[in-house]
Amino acid sequence: MNEFAIGYMPVAGGFIAWFRKVHKCDNEILKGKGGHPIIYETKAEAKAAAGEAIVAYINGPLVRDGAVVEAQSAADAVFNGLKPFIRQRGSKRRTEVERRERA
């Protein structure tokens, strides 16, 4: 049960597509404008749309305990502001490196 899955279900007028996430036990139906299920004409169209939806979910933002994981952690924010530096052998002092722009 703990696996990704895609599929389709026959309905009046065609097929609806669904996908299941690992951490959820119910299927999520693909919905269009107004929250109404999208009805596809063929099984292949419905299954392809479900596949695209699950790939978009997998490649989307990561979720942890209901909160979106930020792309940059607090530690990264602290260290991104540092300038490049070098240390001379035997010295504990850091020397900041400045680059000249080419004319």
C-alpha atoms as a PDB file:
ATOM      1  CA  MET A   1       0.000   0.000   0.000  1.00  0.00           C
ATOM      2  CA  ASN A   2       2.909   2.386   0.619  1.00  0.00           C
ATOM      3  CA  GLU A   3       3.725   3.008  -3.007  1.00  0.00           C
ATOM      4  CA  PHE A   4       3.086   5.526  -5.742  1.00  0.00           C
ATOM      5  CA  ALA A   5       0.388   4.473  -8.184  1.00  0.00           C
ATOM      6  CA  ILE A   6      -1.520   5.894 -11.142  1.00  0.00           C
ATOM      7  CA  GLY A   7      -4.653   4.778 -12.894  1.00  0.00           C
ATOM      8  CA  TYR A   8      -7.987   5.597 -14.467  1.00  0.00           C
ATOM      9  CA  MET A   9     -11.652   4.883 -13.770  1.00  0.00           C
ATOM     10  CA  PRO A  10     -14.479   4.691 -16.279  1.00  0.00           C
ATOM     11  CA  VAL A  11     -17.216   7.301 -15.845  1.00  0.00           C
ATOM     12  CA  ALA A  12     -20.076   8.519 -17.994  1.00  0.00           C
ATOM     13  CA  GLY A  13     -18.552  10.182 -21.051  1.00  0.00           C
ATOM     14  CA  GLY A  14     -15.007   8.840 -20.702  1.00  0.00           C
ATOM     15  CA  PHE A  15     -12.388   8.216 -18.033  1.00  0.00           C
ATOM     16  CA  ILE A  16     -11.031  10.113 -15.041  1.00  0.00           C
ATOM     17  CA  ALA A  17      -7.377   9.915 -13.977  1.00  0.00           C
ATOM     18  CA  TRP A  18      -6.067   9.403 -10.438  1.00  0.00           C
ATOM     19  CA  PHE A  19      -2.777   9.020  -8.624  1.00  0.00           C
ATOM     20  CA  ARG A  20      -1.790   7.880  -5.135  1.00  0.00           C
ATOM     21  CA  LYS A  21       1.018   9.309  -3.013  1.00  0.00           C
ATOM     22  CA  VAL A  22       3.131   7.135  -0.739  1.00  0.00           C
ATOM     23  CA  HIS A  23       1.969   8.770   2.494  1.00  0.00           C
ATOM     24  CA  LYS A  24      -1.742   8.840   1.572  1.00  0.00           C
ATOM     25  CA  CYS A  25      -4.052   5.843   1.368  1.00  0.00           C
ATOM     26  CA  ASP A  26      -6.658   7.373  -0.942  1.00  0.00           C
ATOM     27  CA  ASN A  27      -6.490   8.231  -4.625  1.00  0.00           C
ATOM     28  CA  GLU A  28      -6.356  11.855  -5.749  1.00  0.00           C
ATOM     29  CA  ILE A  29      -8.476  12.535  -8.818  1.00  0.00           C
ATOM     30  CA  LEU A  30      -7.142  15.064 -11.324  1.00  0.00           C
ATOM     31  CA  LYS A  31      -9.400  18.080 -11.240  1.00  0.00           C
ATOM     32  CA  GLY A  32      -9.805  21.055 -13.529  1.00  0.00           C
ATOM     33  CA  LYS A  33     -11.290  24.498 -13.076  1.00  0.00           C
ATOM     34  CA  GLY A  34     -13.905  24.721 -10.371  1.00  0.00           C
ATOM     35  CA  GLY A  35     -12.682  21.519  -8.721  1.00  0.00           C
ATOM     36  CA  HIS A  36     -14.518  19.231 -11.135  1.00  0.00           C
ATOM     37  CA  PRO A  37     -12.800  16.028 -12.343  1.00  0.00           C
ATOM     38  CA  ILE A  38     -11.281  16.182 -15.815  1.00  0.00           C
ATOM     39  CA  ILE A  39     -12.905  13.633 -18.133  1.00  0.00           C
ATOM     40  CA  TYR A  40     -10.632  12.124 -20.800  1.00  0.00           C
ATOM     41  CA  GLU A  41     -11.884  10.409 -23.939  1.00  0.00           C
ATOM     42  CA  THR A  42      -9.551   7.398 -23.823  1.00  0.00           C
ATOM     43  CA  LYS A  43      -7.841   5.237 -21.205  1.00  0.00           C
ATOM     44  CA  ALA A  44      -4.434   6.157 -22.627  1.00  0.00           C
ATOM     45  CA  GLU A  45      -5.056   9.907 -22.254  1.00  0.00           C
ATOM     46  CA  ALA A  46      -6.212   9.460 -18.660  1.00  0.00           C
ATOM     47  CA  LYS A  47      -3.246   7.279 -17.710  1.00  0.00           C
ATOM     48  CA  ALA A  48      -0.780   9.672 -19.377  1.00  0.00           C
ATOM     49  CA  ALA A  49      -2.267  12.626 -17.474  1.00  0.00           C
ATOM     50  CA  ALA A  50      -2.026  10.684 -14.202  1.00  0.00           C
ATOM     51  CA  GLY A  51       1.619   9.880 -14.961  1.00  0.00           C
ATOM     52  CA  GLU A  52       2.403  13.527 -15.645  1.00  0.00           C
ATOM     53  CA  ALA A  53       0.664  14.553 -12.407  1.00  0.00           C
ATOM     54  CA  ILE A  54       2.632  12.097 -10.255  1.00  0.00           C
ATOM     55  CA  VAL A  55       5.927  13.138 -11.872  1.00  0.00           C
ATOM     56  CA  ALA A  56       5.065  16.803 -11.222  1.00  0.00           C
ATOM     57  CA  TYR A  57       4.347  15.914  -7.583  1.00  0.00           C
ATOM     58  CA  ILE A  58       7.609  13.981  -7.175  1.00  0.00           C
ATOM     59  CA  ASN A  59       9.660  16.772  -8.754  1.00  0.00           C
ATOM     60  CA  GLY A  60       7.803  19.514  -6.856  1.00  0.00           C
ATOM     61  CA  PRO A  61       8.682  21.090  -3.521  1.00  0.00           C
ATOM     62  CA  LEU A  62       9.490  18.649  -0.738  1.00  0.00           C
ATOM     63  CA  VAL A  63       7.061  18.414   2.147  1.00  0.00           C
ATOM     64  CA  ARG A  64       7.995  17.544   5.724  1.00  0.00           C
ATOM     65  CA  ASP A  65       5.272  17.130   8.368  1.00  0.00           C
ATOM     66  CA  GLY A  66       2.922  19.346   6.368  1.00  0.00           C
ATOM     67  CA  ALA A  67       5.426  22.198   5.962  1.00  0.00           C
ATOM     68  CA  VAL A  68       7.243  22.944   2.728  1.00  0.00           C
ATOM     69  CA  VAL A  69      10.980  22.416   3.109  1.00  0.00           C
ATOM     70  CA  GLU A  70      12.805  25.585   2.235  1.00  0.00           C
ATOM     71  CA  ALA A  71      15.423  25.373  -0.476  1.00  0.00           C
ATOM     72  CA  GLN A  72      17.980  27.159   1.652  1.00  0.00           C
ATOM     73  CA  SER A  73      18.550  26.331   5.292  1.00  0.00           C
ATOM     74  CA  ALA A  74      19.374  28.859   7.972  1.00  0.00           C
ATOM     75  CA  ALA A  75      22.992  27.692   7.957  1.00  0.00           C
ATOM     76  CA  ASP A  76      23.284  28.296   4.208  1.00  0.00           C
ATOM     77  CA  ALA A  77      21.900  31.798   4.686  1.00  0.00           C
ATOM     78  CA  VAL A  78      24.622  32.516   7.259  1.00  0.00           C
ATOM     79  CA  PHE A  79      27.501  31.148   5.197  1.00  0.00           C
ATOM     80  CA  ASN A  80      26.482  32.552   1.797  1.00  0.00           C
ATOM     81  CA  GLY A  81      27.458  36.047   2.932  1.00  0.00           C
ATOM     82  CA  LEU A  82      31.108  35.105   3.571  1.00  0.00           C
ATOM     83  CA  LYS A  83      33.778  36.357   1.226  1.00  0.00           C
ATOM     84  CA  PRO A  84      36.367  33.919  -0.103  1.00  0.00           C
ATOM     85  CA  PHE A  85      39.507  33.791   2.008  1.00  0.00           C
ATOM     86  CA  ILE A  86      42.903  32.126   2.183  1.00  0.00           C
ATOM     87  CA  ARG A  87      45.185  31.174   5.062  1.00  0.00           C
ATOM     88  CA  GLN A  88      48.909  31.389   4.872  1.00  0.00           C
ATOM     89  CA  ARG A  89      50.845  28.397   6.075  1.00  0.00           C
ATOM     90  CA  GLY A  90      51.471  28.562   9.786  1.00  0.00           C
ATOM     91  CA  SER A  91      49.130  31.534  10.258  1.00  0.00           C
ATOM     92  CA  LYS A  92      45.764  31.456  11.976  1.00  0.00           C
ATOM     93  CA  ARG A  93      44.718  34.745  10.449  1.00  0.00           C
ATOM     94  CA  ARG A  94      42.399  34.722   7.437  1.00  0.00           C
ATOM     95  CA  THR A  95      43.048  36.987   4.479  1.00  0.00           C
ATOM     96  CA  GLU A  96      39.997  37.998   2.460  1.00  0.00           C
ATOM     97  CA  VAL A  97      40.384  37.725  -1.289  1.00  0.00           C
ATOM     98  CA  GLU A  98      39.117  40.512  -3.513  1.00  0.00           C
ATOM     99  CA  ARG A  99      38.784  40.056  -7.237  1.00  0.00           C
ATOM    100  CA  ARG A 100      39.335  42.839  -9.710  1.00  0.00           C
ATOM    101  CA  GLU A 101      36.882  43.206 -12.519  1.00  0.00           C
ATOM    102  CA  ARG A 102      38.294  43.137 -16.012  1.00  0.00           C
ATOM    103  CA  ALA A 103      38.091  46.399 -17.909  1.00  0.00           C
END
